[in-house]
Each structure stands twice: as C-alpha cells, then as structure tokens.
Amino acid sequence: DMEFFQKRIDKTCIERLESFVDASFERSGAVRAGATGPGLYATSRFYLAKGSFHLFNTCNTWTARALAAAGFDISALGTFHAEALMQQVRALVRLR
C-alpha cells in the first residue's frame, strides 16, 4: 500500500536513504562516481559499488539495508530473493 509509505517517508527518511545510496558507490577518491559502461537500458549506466555481489549479498539484501537505513524495521538477514524482502515490507503495511 503506497499510501502507507507516502505518509511514513519524511525529510529525515529521504536524507538517510540518500546517504546510504551515496555511500554505496566506489569512487576511488573522486567526488563523483564514474560510469564503467552502458547499462541494460538506453540511458542507464553501470557504476562500481562497494562490496561484492554473491548469494548472500544480492540486490534484495542491498534494498533491505537501504530501507533499514531510511528508518524502516527491515532486516537484510535472509533476503536473498525478492519474496523474502517483500514479506517484510508487507508486514510493515499490515502493522500500521
């Protein structure tokens, strides 16, 4: 239910999420992250990230950590696939 998240996301939440995303880029001392190549879509790009992708560190665990950093009661533990993450998100909505 998007209305739930729209009411819960305030300026502090957005700032914490932005800081998490900003900190996830590997910059090697540069101020801005540089694209490493074209992405999957016409205007998308790939960027170096901190950490590595593997079975226990997927896009779903990254998203769980991002939501937790923003202030949501979400755990990255066991979020190897999207459904595990979405179960936690749905539980937040039910708790409202």
PDB file of N, CA and C in Angstrom:
ATOM      1  N   ASP A   1       0.857  -1.173   0.000  1.00  0.00           N
ATOM      2  CA  ASP A   1       0.000   0.000   0.000  1.00  0.00           C
ATOM      3  C   ASP A   1       0.900   1.231   0.000  1.00  0.00           C
ATOM      4  N   MET A   2       0.960   1.907  -1.122  1.00  0.00           N
ATOM      5  CA  MET A   2       1.863   3.056  -1.274  1.00  0.00           C
ATOM      6  C   MET A   2       1.496   4.199  -0.342  1.00  0.00           C
ATOM      7  N   GLU A   3       0.225   4.342  -0.003  1.00  0.00           N
ATOM      8  CA  GLU A   3      -0.205   5.412   0.892  1.00  0.00           C
ATOM      9  C   GLU A   3       0.514   5.305   2.234  1.00  0.00           C
ATOM     10  N   PHE A   4       0.699   4.091   2.718  1.00  0.00           N
ATOM     11  CA  PHE A   4       1.410   3.860   3.979  1.00  0.00           C
ATOM     12  C   PHE A   4       2.816   4.461   3.907  1.00  0.00           C
ATOM     13  N   PHE A   5       3.548   4.156   2.826  1.00  0.00           N
ATOM     14  CA  PHE A   5       4.911   4.644   2.700  1.00  0.00           C
ATOM     15  C   PHE A   5       4.956   6.145   2.455  1.00  0.00           C
ATOM     16  N   GLN A   6       3.999   6.676   1.724  1.00  0.00           N
ATOM     17  CA  GLN A   6       3.974   8.109   1.477  1.00  0.00           C
ATOM     18  C   GLN A   6       3.783   8.889   2.768  1.00  0.00           C
ATOM     19  N   LYS A   7       3.007   8.347   3.691  1.00  0.00           N
ATOM     20  CA  LYS A   7       2.798   9.018   4.980  1.00  0.00           C
ATOM     21  C   LYS A   7       4.000   8.849   5.901  1.00  0.00           C
ATOM     22  N   ARG A   8       4.748   7.750   5.774  1.00  0.00           N
ATOM     23  CA  ARG A   8       5.860   7.459   6.669  1.00  0.00           C
ATOM     24  C   ARG A   8       7.185   8.058   6.214  1.00  0.00           C
ATOM     25  N   ILE A   9       7.292   8.446   4.967  1.00  0.00           N
ATOM     26  CA  ILE A   9       8.562   8.932   4.442  1.00  0.00           C
ATOM     27  C   ILE A   9       8.619  10.447   4.603  1.00  0.00           C
ATOM     28  N   ASP A  10       9.477  10.883   5.516  1.00  0.00           N
ATOM     29  CA  ASP A  10       9.648  12.310   5.739  1.00  0.00           C
ATOM     30  C   ASP A  10      11.043  12.734   5.261  1.00  0.00           C
ATOM     31  N   LYS A  11      11.388  13.979   5.484  1.00  0.00           N
ATOM     32  CA  LYS A  11      12.659  14.525   5.014  1.00  0.00           C
ATOM     33  C   LYS A  11      13.848  13.757   5.599  1.00  0.00           C
ATOM     34  N   THR A  12      13.794  13.424   6.859  1.00  0.00           N
ATOM     35  CA  THR A  12      14.882  12.691   7.502  1.00  0.00           C
ATOM     36  C   THR A  12      15.046  11.313   6.878  1.00  0.00           C
ATOM     37  N   CYS A  13      13.946  10.655   6.611  1.00  0.00           N
ATOM     38  CA  CYS A  13      13.967   9.339   5.983  1.00  0.00           C
ATOM     39  C   CYS A  13      14.641   9.418   4.608  1.00  0.00           C
ATOM     40  N   ILE A  14      14.262  10.394   3.818  1.00  0.00           N
ATOM     41  CA  ILE A  14      14.846  10.578   2.478  1.00  0.00           C
ATOM     42  C   ILE A  14      16.332  10.875   2.584  1.00  0.00           C
ATOM     43  N   GLU A  15      16.726  11.727   3.516  1.00  0.00           N
ATOM     44  CA  GLU A  15      18.143  12.063   3.681  1.00  0.00           C
ATOM     45  C   GLU A  15      18.960  10.841   4.074  1.00  0.00           C
ATOM     46  N   ARG A  16      18.420  10.005   4.949  1.00  0.00           N
ATOM     47  CA  ARG A  16      19.124   8.787   5.359  1.00  0.00           C
ATOM     48  C   ARG A  16      19.252   7.814   4.192  1.00  0.00           C
ATOM     49  N   LEU A  17      18.200   7.706   3.389  1.00  0.00           N
ATOM     50  CA  LEU A  17      18.237   6.849   2.207  1.00  0.00           C
ATOM     51  C   LEU A  17      19.251   7.367   1.189  1.00  0.00           C
ATOM     52  N   GLU A  18      19.260   8.673   0.963  1.00  0.00           N
ATOM     53  CA  GLU A  18      20.233   9.275   0.046  1.00  0.00           C
ATOM     54  C   GLU A  18      21.659   9.018   0.508  1.00  0.00           C
ATOM     55  N   SER A  19      21.905   9.148   1.799  1.00  0.00           N
ATOM     56  CA  SER A  19      23.248   8.905   2.341  1.00  0.00           C
ATOM     57  C   SER A  19      23.662   7.451   2.134  1.00  0.00           C
ATOM     58  N   PHE A  20      22.731   6.521   2.327  1.00  0.00           N
ATOM     59  CA  PHE A  20      23.031   5.109   2.115  1.00  0.00           C
ATOM     60  C   PHE A  20      23.408   4.855   0.660  1.00  0.00           C
ATOM     61  N   VAL A  21      22.598   5.352  -0.258  1.00  0.00           N
ATOM     62  CA  VAL A  21      22.868   5.149  -1.686  1.00  0.00           C
ATOM     63  C   VAL A  21      24.190   5.801  -2.061  1.00  0.00           C
ATOM     64  N   ASP A  22      24.406   7.031  -1.617  1.00  0.00           N
ATOM     65  CA  ASP A  22      25.650   7.748  -1.915  1.00  0.00           C
ATOM     66  C   ASP A  22      26.870   6.967  -1.431  1.00  0.00           C
ATOM     67  N   ALA A  23      26.780   6.394  -0.250  1.00  0.00           N
ATOM     68  CA  ALA A  23      27.908   5.654   0.331  1.00  0.00           C
ATOM     69  C   ALA A  23      28.146   4.312  -0.352  1.00  0.00           C
ATOM     70  N   SER A  24      27.206   3.850  -1.164  1.00  0.00           N
ATOM     71  CA  SER A  24      27.362   2.541  -1.797  1.00  0.00           C
ATOM     72  C   SER A  24      28.219   2.572  -3.061  1.00  0.00           C
ATOM     73  N   PHE A  25      28.522   3.763  -3.569  1.00  0.00           N
ATOM     74  CA  PHE A  25      29.345   3.880  -4.774  1.00  0.00           C
ATOM     75  C   PHE A  25      30.834   3.849  -4.445  1.00  0.00           C
ATOM     76  N   GLU A  26      31.588   3.150  -5.240  1.00  0.00           N
ATOM     77  CA  GLU A  26      33.052   3.155  -5.134  1.00  0.00           C
ATOM     78  C   GLU A  26      33.568   4.301  -5.996  1.00  0.00           C
ATOM     79  N   ARG A  27      34.235   5.253  -5.362  1.00  0.00           N
ATOM     80  CA  ARG A  27      34.695   6.438  -6.082  1.00  0.00           C
ATOM     81  C   ARG A  27      36.212   6.516  -6.217  1.00  0.00           C
ATOM     82  N   SER A  28      36.937   5.699  -5.496  1.00  0.00           N
ATOM     83  CA  SER A  28      38.409   5.730  -5.518  1.00  0.00           C
ATOM     84  C   SER A  28      38.951   7.143  -5.324  1.00  0.00           C
ATOM     85  N   GLY A  29      38.385   7.862  -4.374  1.00  0.00           N
ATOM     86  CA  GLY A  29      38.850   9.206  -4.044  1.00  0.00           C
ATOM     87  C   GLY A  29      38.197  10.325  -4.824  1.00  0.00           C
ATOM     88  N   ALA A  30      37.484  10.025  -5.887  1.00  0.00           N
ATOM     89  CA  ALA A  30      36.816  11.058  -6.680  1.00  0.00           C
ATOM     90  C   ALA A  30      35.545  11.529  -5.968  1.00  0.00           C
ATOM     91  N   VAL A  31      35.126  12.741  -6.269  1.00  0.00           N
ATOM     92  CA  VAL A  31      33.903  13.280  -5.683  1.00  0.00           C
ATOM     93  C   VAL A  31      32.676  12.589  -6.274  1.00  0.00           C
ATOM     94  N   ARG A  32      32.701  12.379  -7.571  1.00  0.00           N
ATOM     95  CA  ARG A  32      31.576  11.754  -8.262  1.00  0.00           C
ATOM     96  C   ARG A  32      31.946  10.345  -8.708  1.00  0.00           C
ATOM     97  N   ALA A  33      30.973   9.475  -8.707  1.00  0.00           N
ATOM     98  CA  ALA A  33      31.179   8.121  -9.222  1.00  0.00           C
ATOM     99  C   ALA A  33      31.185   8.182 -10.747  1.00  0.00           C
ATOM    100  N   GLY A  34      32.102   7.472 -11.351  1.00  0.00           N
ATOM    101  CA  GLY A  34      32.171   7.434 -12.802  1.00  0.00           C
ATOM    102  C   GLY A  34      31.534   6.167 -13.346  1.00  0.00           C
ATOM    103  N   ALA A  35      30.760   6.310 -14.404  1.00  0.00           N
ATOM    104  CA  ALA A  35      30.134   5.145 -15.031  1.00  0.00           C
ATOM    105  C   ALA A  35      31.220   4.244 -15.606  1.00  0.00           C
ATOM    106  N   THR A  36      31.024   2.945 -15.473  1.00  0.00           N
ATOM    107  CA  THR A  36      32.001   1.986 -16.005  1.00  0.00           C
ATOM    108  C   THR A  36      31.594   1.456 -17.369  1.00  0.00           C
ATOM    109  N   GLY A  37      30.359   1.736 -17.781  1.00  0.00           N
ATOM    110  CA  GLY A  37      29.901   1.281 -19.085  1.00  0.00           C
ATOM    111  C   GLY A  37      28.407   1.429 -19.214  1.00  0.00           C
ATOM    112  N   PRO A  38      27.894   1.108 -20.397  1.00  0.00           N
ATOM    113  CA  PRO A  38      26.448   1.223 -20.617  1.00  0.00           C
ATOM    114  C   PRO A  38      25.684   0.213 -19.778  1.00  0.00           C
ATOM    115  N   GLY A  39      24.480   0.583 -19.389  1.00  0.00           N
ATOM    116  CA  GLY A  39      23.620  -0.295 -18.615  1.00  0.00           C
ATOM    117  C   GLY A  39      22.741  -1.142 -19.515  1.00  0.00           C
ATOM    118  N   LEU A  40      21.709  -1.673 -18.936  1.00  0.00           N
ATOM    119  CA  LEU A  40      20.809  -2.555 -19.675  1.00  0.00           C
ATOM    120  C   LEU A  40      19.817  -1.802 -20.549  1.00  0.00           C
ATOM    121  N   TYR A  41      19.604  -0.534 -20.245  1.00  0.00           N
ATOM    122  CA  TYR A  41      18.617   0.267 -20.965  1.00  0.00           C
ATOM    123  C   TYR A  41      19.322   1.430 -21.655  1.00  0.00           C
ATOM    124  N   ALA A  42      18.645   2.056 -22.577  1.00  0.00           N
ATOM    125  CA  ALA A  42      19.251   3.081 -23.435  1.00  0.00           C
ATOM    126  C   ALA A  42      20.003   4.171 -22.665  1.00  0.00           C
ATOM    127  N   THR A  43      19.432   4.677 -21.597  1.00  0.00           N
ATOM    128  CA  THR A  43      20.072   5.777 -20.867  1.00  0.00           C
ATOM    129  C   THR A  43      20.670   5.346 -19.529  1.00  0.00           C
ATOM    130  N   SER A  44      20.733   4.052 -19.263  1.00  0.00           N
ATOM    131  CA  SER A  44      21.272   3.583 -17.983  1.00  0.00           C
ATOM    132  C   SER A  44      22.770   3.326 -18.084  1.00  0.00           C
ATOM    133  N   ARG A  45      23.438   3.323 -16.939  1.00  0.00           N
ATOM    134  CA  ARG A  45      24.880   3.093 -16.859  1.00  0.00           C
ATOM    135  C   ARG A  45      25.174   2.178 -15.676  1.00  0.00           C
ATOM    136  N   PHE A  46      26.305   1.476 -15.749  1.00  0.00           N
ATOM    137  CA  PHE A  46      26.800   0.695 -14.628  1.00  0.00           C
ATOM    138  C   PHE A  46      27.853   1.513 -13.891  1.00  0.00           C
ATOM    139  N   TYR A  47      27.890   1.360 -12.564  1.00  0.00           N
ATOM    140  CA  TYR A  47      28.847   2.057 -11.714  1.00  0.00           C
ATOM    141  C   TYR A  47      29.486   1.044 -10.774  1.00  0.00           C
ATOM    142  N   LEU A  48      30.714   1.319 -10.372  1.00  0.00           N
ATOM    143  CA  LEU A  48      31.354   0.473  -9.364  1.00  0.00           C
ATOM    144  C   LEU A  48      30.690   0.700  -8.019  1.00  0.00           C
ATOM    145  N   ALA A  49      30.544  -0.379  -7.274  1.00  0.00           N
ATOM    146  CA  ALA A  49      29.927  -0.294  -5.960  1.00  0.00           C
ATOM    147  C   ALA A  49      30.884  -0.837  -4.914  1.00  0.00           C
ATOM    148  N   LYS A  50      30.662  -0.428  -3.680  1.00  0.00           N
ATOM    149  CA  LYS A  50      31.417  -1.004  -2.569  1.00  0.00           C
ATOM    150  C   LYS A  50      30.816  -2.365  -2.265  1.00  0.00           C
ATOM    151  N   GLY A  51      31.650  -3.311  -1.927  1.00  0.00           N
ATOM    152  CA  GLY A  51      31.169  -4.658  -1.642  1.00  0.00           C
ATOM    153  C   GLY A  51      31.148  -5.493  -2.904  1.00  0.00           C
ATOM    154  N   SER A  52      30.643  -6.693  -2.778  1.00  0.00           N
ATOM    155  CA  SER A  52      30.586  -7.580  -3.936  1.00  0.00           C
ATOM    156  C   SER A  52      29.244  -8.308  -3.961  1.00  0.00           C
ATOM    157  N   PHE A  53      28.844  -8.679  -5.139  1.00  0.00           N
ATOM    158  CA  PHE A  53      27.594  -9.395  -5.346  1.00  0.00           C
ATOM    159  C   PHE A  53      27.863 -10.892  -5.204  1.00  0.00           C
ATOM    160  N   HIS A  54      27.072 -11.559  -4.366  1.00  0.00           N
ATOM    161  CA  HIS A  54      27.163 -13.011  -4.218  1.00  0.00           C
ATOM    162  C   HIS A  54      25.852 -13.506  -3.622  1.00  0.00           C
ATOM    163  N   LEU A  55      25.738 -14.785  -3.425  1.00  0.00           N
ATOM    164  CA  LEU A  55      24.493 -15.400  -2.971  1.00  0.00           C
ATOM    165  C   LEU A  55      23.903 -14.722  -1.734  1.00  0.00           C
ATOM    166  N   PHE A  56      24.757 -14.291  -0.818  1.00  0.00           N
ATOM    167  CA  PHE A  56      24.271 -13.695   0.430  1.00  0.00           C
ATOM    168  C   PHE A  56      24.299 -12.176   0.412  1.00  0.00           C
ATOM    169  N   ASN A  57      24.619 -11.591  -0.725  1.00  0.00           N
ATOM    170  CA  ASN A  57      24.617 -10.133  -0.870  1.00  0.00           C
ATOM    171  C   ASN A  57      24.090  -9.801  -2.262  1.00  0.00           C
ATOM    172  N   THR A  58      22.775  -9.776  -2.377  1.00  0.00           N
ATOM    173  CA  THR A  58      22.106  -9.554  -3.655  1.00  0.00           C
ATOM    174  C   THR A  58      21.478  -8.169  -3.686  1.00  0.00           C
ATOM    175  N   CYS A  59      20.827  -7.856  -4.784  1.00  0.00           N
ATOM    176  CA  CYS A  59      20.111  -6.582  -4.879  1.00  0.00           C
ATOM    177  C   CYS A  59      19.016  -6.505  -3.808  1.00  0.00           C
ATOM    178  N   ASN A  60      18.469  -7.642  -3.419  1.00  0.00           N
ATOM    179  CA  ASN A  60      17.428  -7.652  -2.386  1.00  0.00           C
ATOM    180  C   ASN A  60      17.994  -7.351  -1.005  1.00  0.00           C
ATOM    181  N   THR A  61      19.174  -7.876  -0.683  1.00  0.00           N
ATOM    182  CA  THR A  61      19.784  -7.551   0.616  1.00  0.00           C
ATOM    183  C   THR A  61      20.198  -6.086   0.638  1.00  0.00           C
ATOM    184  N   TRP A  62      20.680  -5.567  -0.505  1.00  0.00           N
ATOM    185  CA  TRP A  62      21.041  -4.148  -0.593  1.00  0.00           C
ATOM    186  C   TRP A  62      19.800  -3.282  -0.355  1.00  0.00           C
ATOM    187  N   THR A  63      18.681  -3.654  -0.971  1.00  0.00           N
ATOM    188  CA  THR A  63      17.440  -2.896  -0.806  1.00  0.00           C
ATOM    189  C   THR A  63      16.959  -2.962   0.644  1.00  0.00           C
ATOM    190  N   ALA A  64      17.069  -4.119   1.276  1.00  0.00           N
ATOM    191  CA  ALA A  64      16.689  -4.248   2.683  1.00  0.00           C
ATOM    192  C   ALA A  64      17.551  -3.339   3.554  1.00  0.00           C
ATOM    193  N   ARG A  65      18.842  -3.322   3.296  1.00  0.00           N
ATOM    194  CA  ARG A  65      19.736  -2.431   4.064  1.00  0.00           C
ATOM    195  C   ARG A  65      19.387  -0.966   3.820  1.00  0.00           C
ATOM    196  N   ALA A  66      19.040  -0.627   2.596  1.00  0.00           N
ATOM    197  CA  ALA A  66      18.655   0.754   2.277  1.00  0.00           C
ATOM    198  C   ALA A  66      17.394   1.148   3.036  1.00  0.00           C
ATOM    199  N   LEU A  67      16.399   0.283   3.050  1.00  0.00           N
ATOM    200  CA  LEU A  67      15.164   0.578   3.783  1.00  0.00           C
ATOM    201  C   LEU A  67      15.417   0.683   5.286  1.00  0.00           C
ATOM    202  N   ALA A  68      16.288  -0.179   5.806  1.00  0.00           N
ATOM    203  CA  ALA A  68      16.640  -0.106   7.228  1.00  0.00           C
ATOM    204  C   ALA A  68      17.364   1.204   7.531  1.00  0.00           C
ATOM    205  N   ALA A  69      18.274   1.597   6.655  1.00  0.00           N
ATOM    206  CA  ALA A  69      18.994   2.862   6.847  1.00  0.00           C
ATOM    207  C   ALA A  69      18.033   4.044   6.827  1.00  0.00           C
ATOM    208  N   ALA A  70      16.976   3.935   6.047  1.00  0.00           N
ATOM    209  CA  ALA A  70      15.976   5.003   5.963  1.00  0.00           C
ATOM    210  C   ALA A  70      15.088   5.056   7.204  1.00  0.00           C
ATOM    211  N   GLY A  71      15.136   4.000   8.025  1.00  0.00           N
ATOM    212  CA  GLY A  71      14.367   4.004   9.263  1.00  0.00           C
ATOM    213  C   GLY A  71      13.247   2.996   9.336  1.00  0.00           C
ATOM    214  N   PHE A  72      13.117   2.148   8.323  1.00  0.00           N
ATOM    215  CA  PHE A  72      12.072   1.124   8.356  1.00  0.00           C
ATOM    216  C   PHE A  72      12.579  -0.112   9.094  1.00  0.00           C
ATOM    217  N   ASP A  73      11.679  -0.799   9.774  1.00  0.00           N
ATOM    218  CA  ASP A  73      12.023  -2.003  10.537  1.00  0.00           C
ATOM    219  C   ASP A  73      12.126  -3.188   9.581  1.00  0.00           C
ATOM    220  N   ILE A  74      13.236  -3.224   8.846  1.00  0.00           N
ATOM    221  CA  ILE A  74      13.508  -4.252   7.841  1.00  0.00           C
ATOM    222  C   ILE A  74      14.871  -4.849   8.158  1.00  0.00           C
ATOM    223  N   SER A  75      15.000  -6.168   8.006  1.00  0.00           N
ATOM    224  CA  SER A  75      16.275  -6.840   8.208  1.00  0.00           C
ATOM    225  C   SER A  75      16.763  -7.418   6.889  1.00  0.00           C
ATOM    226  N   ALA A  76      18.063  -7.317   6.636  1.00  0.00           N
ATOM    227  CA  ALA A  76      18.648  -7.899   5.424  1.00  0.00           C
ATOM    228  C   ALA A  76      18.852  -9.400   5.581  1.00  0.00           C
ATOM    229  N   LEU A  77      18.776  -9.891   6.784  1.00  0.00           N
ATOM    230  CA  LEU A  77      19.006 -11.308   7.051  1.00  0.00           C
ATOM    231  C   LEU A  77      18.001 -12.175   6.285  1.00  0.00           C
ATOM    232  N   GLY A  78      18.499 -13.029   5.445  1.00  0.00           N
ATOM    233  CA  GLY A  78      17.650 -13.960   4.706  1.00  0.00           C
ATOM    234  C   GLY A  78      16.928 -13.385   3.503  1.00  0.00           C
ATOM    235  N   THR A  79      17.287 -12.187   3.075  1.00  0.00           N
ATOM    236  CA  THR A  79      16.594 -11.573   1.933  1.00  0.00           C
ATOM    237  C   THR A  79      17.335 -11.852   0.625  1.00  0.00           C
ATOM    238  N   PHE A  80      17.600 -13.114   0.367  1.00  0.00           N
ATOM    239  CA  PHE A  80      18.338 -13.498  -0.840  1.00  0.00           C
ATOM    240  C   PHE A  80      17.487 -13.354  -2.092  1.00  0.00           C
ATOM    241  N   HIS A  81      16.175 -13.442  -1.931  1.00  0.00           N
ATOM    242  CA  HIS A  81      15.286 -13.294  -3.081  1.00  0.00           C
ATOM    243  C   HIS A  81      14.206 -12.274  -2.752  1.00  0.00           C
ATOM    244  N   ALA A  82      13.562 -11.769  -3.768  1.00  0.00           N
ATOM    245  CA  ALA A  82      12.617 -10.664  -3.618  1.00  0.00           C
ATOM    246  C   ALA A  82      11.456 -10.997  -2.681  1.00  0.00           C
ATOM    247  N   GLU A  83      10.952 -12.214  -2.727  1.00  0.00           N
ATOM    248  CA  GLU A  83       9.795 -12.554  -1.894  1.00  0.00           C
ATOM    249  C   GLU A  83      10.106 -12.441  -0.403  1.00  0.00           C
ATOM    250  N   ALA A  84      11.311 -12.801  -0.008  1.00  0.00           N
ATOM    251  CA  ALA A  84      11.692 -12.680   1.407  1.00  0.00           C
ATOM    252  C   ALA A  84      11.674 -11.218   1.848  1.00  0.00           C
ATOM    253  N   LEU A  85      12.145 -10.343   0.987  1.00  0.00           N
ATOM    254  CA  LEU A  85      12.106  -8.908   1.287  1.00  0.00           C
ATOM    255  C   LEU A  85      10.670  -8.404   1.301  1.00  0.00           C
ATOM    256  N   MET A  86       9.901  -8.784   0.307  1.00  0.00           N
ATOM    257  CA  MET A  86       8.529  -8.305   0.207  1.00  0.00           C
ATOM    258  C   MET A  86       7.661  -8.780   1.367  1.00  0.00           C
ATOM    259  N   GLN A  87       7.956  -9.935   1.942  1.00  0.00           N
ATOM    260  CA  GLN A  87       7.216 -10.387   3.122  1.00  0.00           C
ATOM    261  C   GLN A  87       7.391  -9.395   4.266  1.00  0.00           C
ATOM    262  N   GLN A  88       8.603  -8.885   4.416  1.00  0.00           N
ATOM    263  CA  GLN A  88       8.857  -7.898   5.477  1.00  0.00           C
ATOM    264  C   GLN A  88       8.146  -6.582   5.167  1.00  0.00           C
ATOM    265  N   VAL A  89       8.184  -6.169   3.918  1.00  0.00           N
ATOM    266  CA  VAL A  89       7.514  -4.915   3.535  1.00  0.00           C
ATOM    267  C   VAL A  89       6.018  -5.038   3.758  1.00  0.00           C
ATOM    268  N   ARG A  90       5.434  -6.153   3.352  1.00  0.00           N
ATOM    269  CA  ARG A  90       4.001  -6.357   3.566  1.00  0.00           C
ATOM    270  C   ARG A  90       3.655  -6.374   5.060  1.00  0.00           C
ATOM    271  N   ALA A  91       4.526  -6.948   5.874  1.00  0.00           N
ATOM    272  CA  ALA A  91       4.294  -6.974   7.327  1.00  0.00           C
ATOM    273  C   ALA A  91       4.282  -5.560   7.890  1.00  0.00           C
ATOM    274  N   LEU A  92       5.125  -4.682   7.393  1.00  0.00           N
ATOM    275  CA  LEU A  92       5.112  -3.283   7.840  1.00  0.00           C
ATOM    276  C   LEU A  92       3.768  -2.631   7.527  1.00  0.00           C
ATOM    277  N   VAL A  93       3.263  -2.886   6.353  1.00  0.00           N
ATOM    278  CA  VAL A  93       1.993  -2.307   5.947  1.00  0.00           C
ATOM    279  C   VAL A  93       0.869  -2.839   6.825  1.00  0.00           C
ATOM    280  N   ARG A  94       0.888  -4.139   7.132  1.00  0.00           N
ATOM    281  CA  ARG A  94      -0.155  -4.735   7.986  1.00  0.00           C
ATOM    282  C   ARG A  94      -0.100  -4.169   9.400  1.00  0.00           C
ATOM    283  N   LEU A  95       1.084  -3.816   9.883  1.00  0.00           N
ATOM    284  CA  LEU A  95       1.242  -3.318  11.254  1.00  0.00           C
ATOM    285  C   LEU A  95       0.721  -1.909  11.443  1.00  0.00           C
ATOM    286  N   ARG A  96       0.489  -1.214  10.375  1.00  0.00           N
ATOM    287  CA  ARG A  96       0.067   0.185  10.504  1.00  0.00           C
ATOM    288  C   ARG A  96      -1.229   0.253  11.218  1.00  0.00           C
TER     289      ARG A  96
END
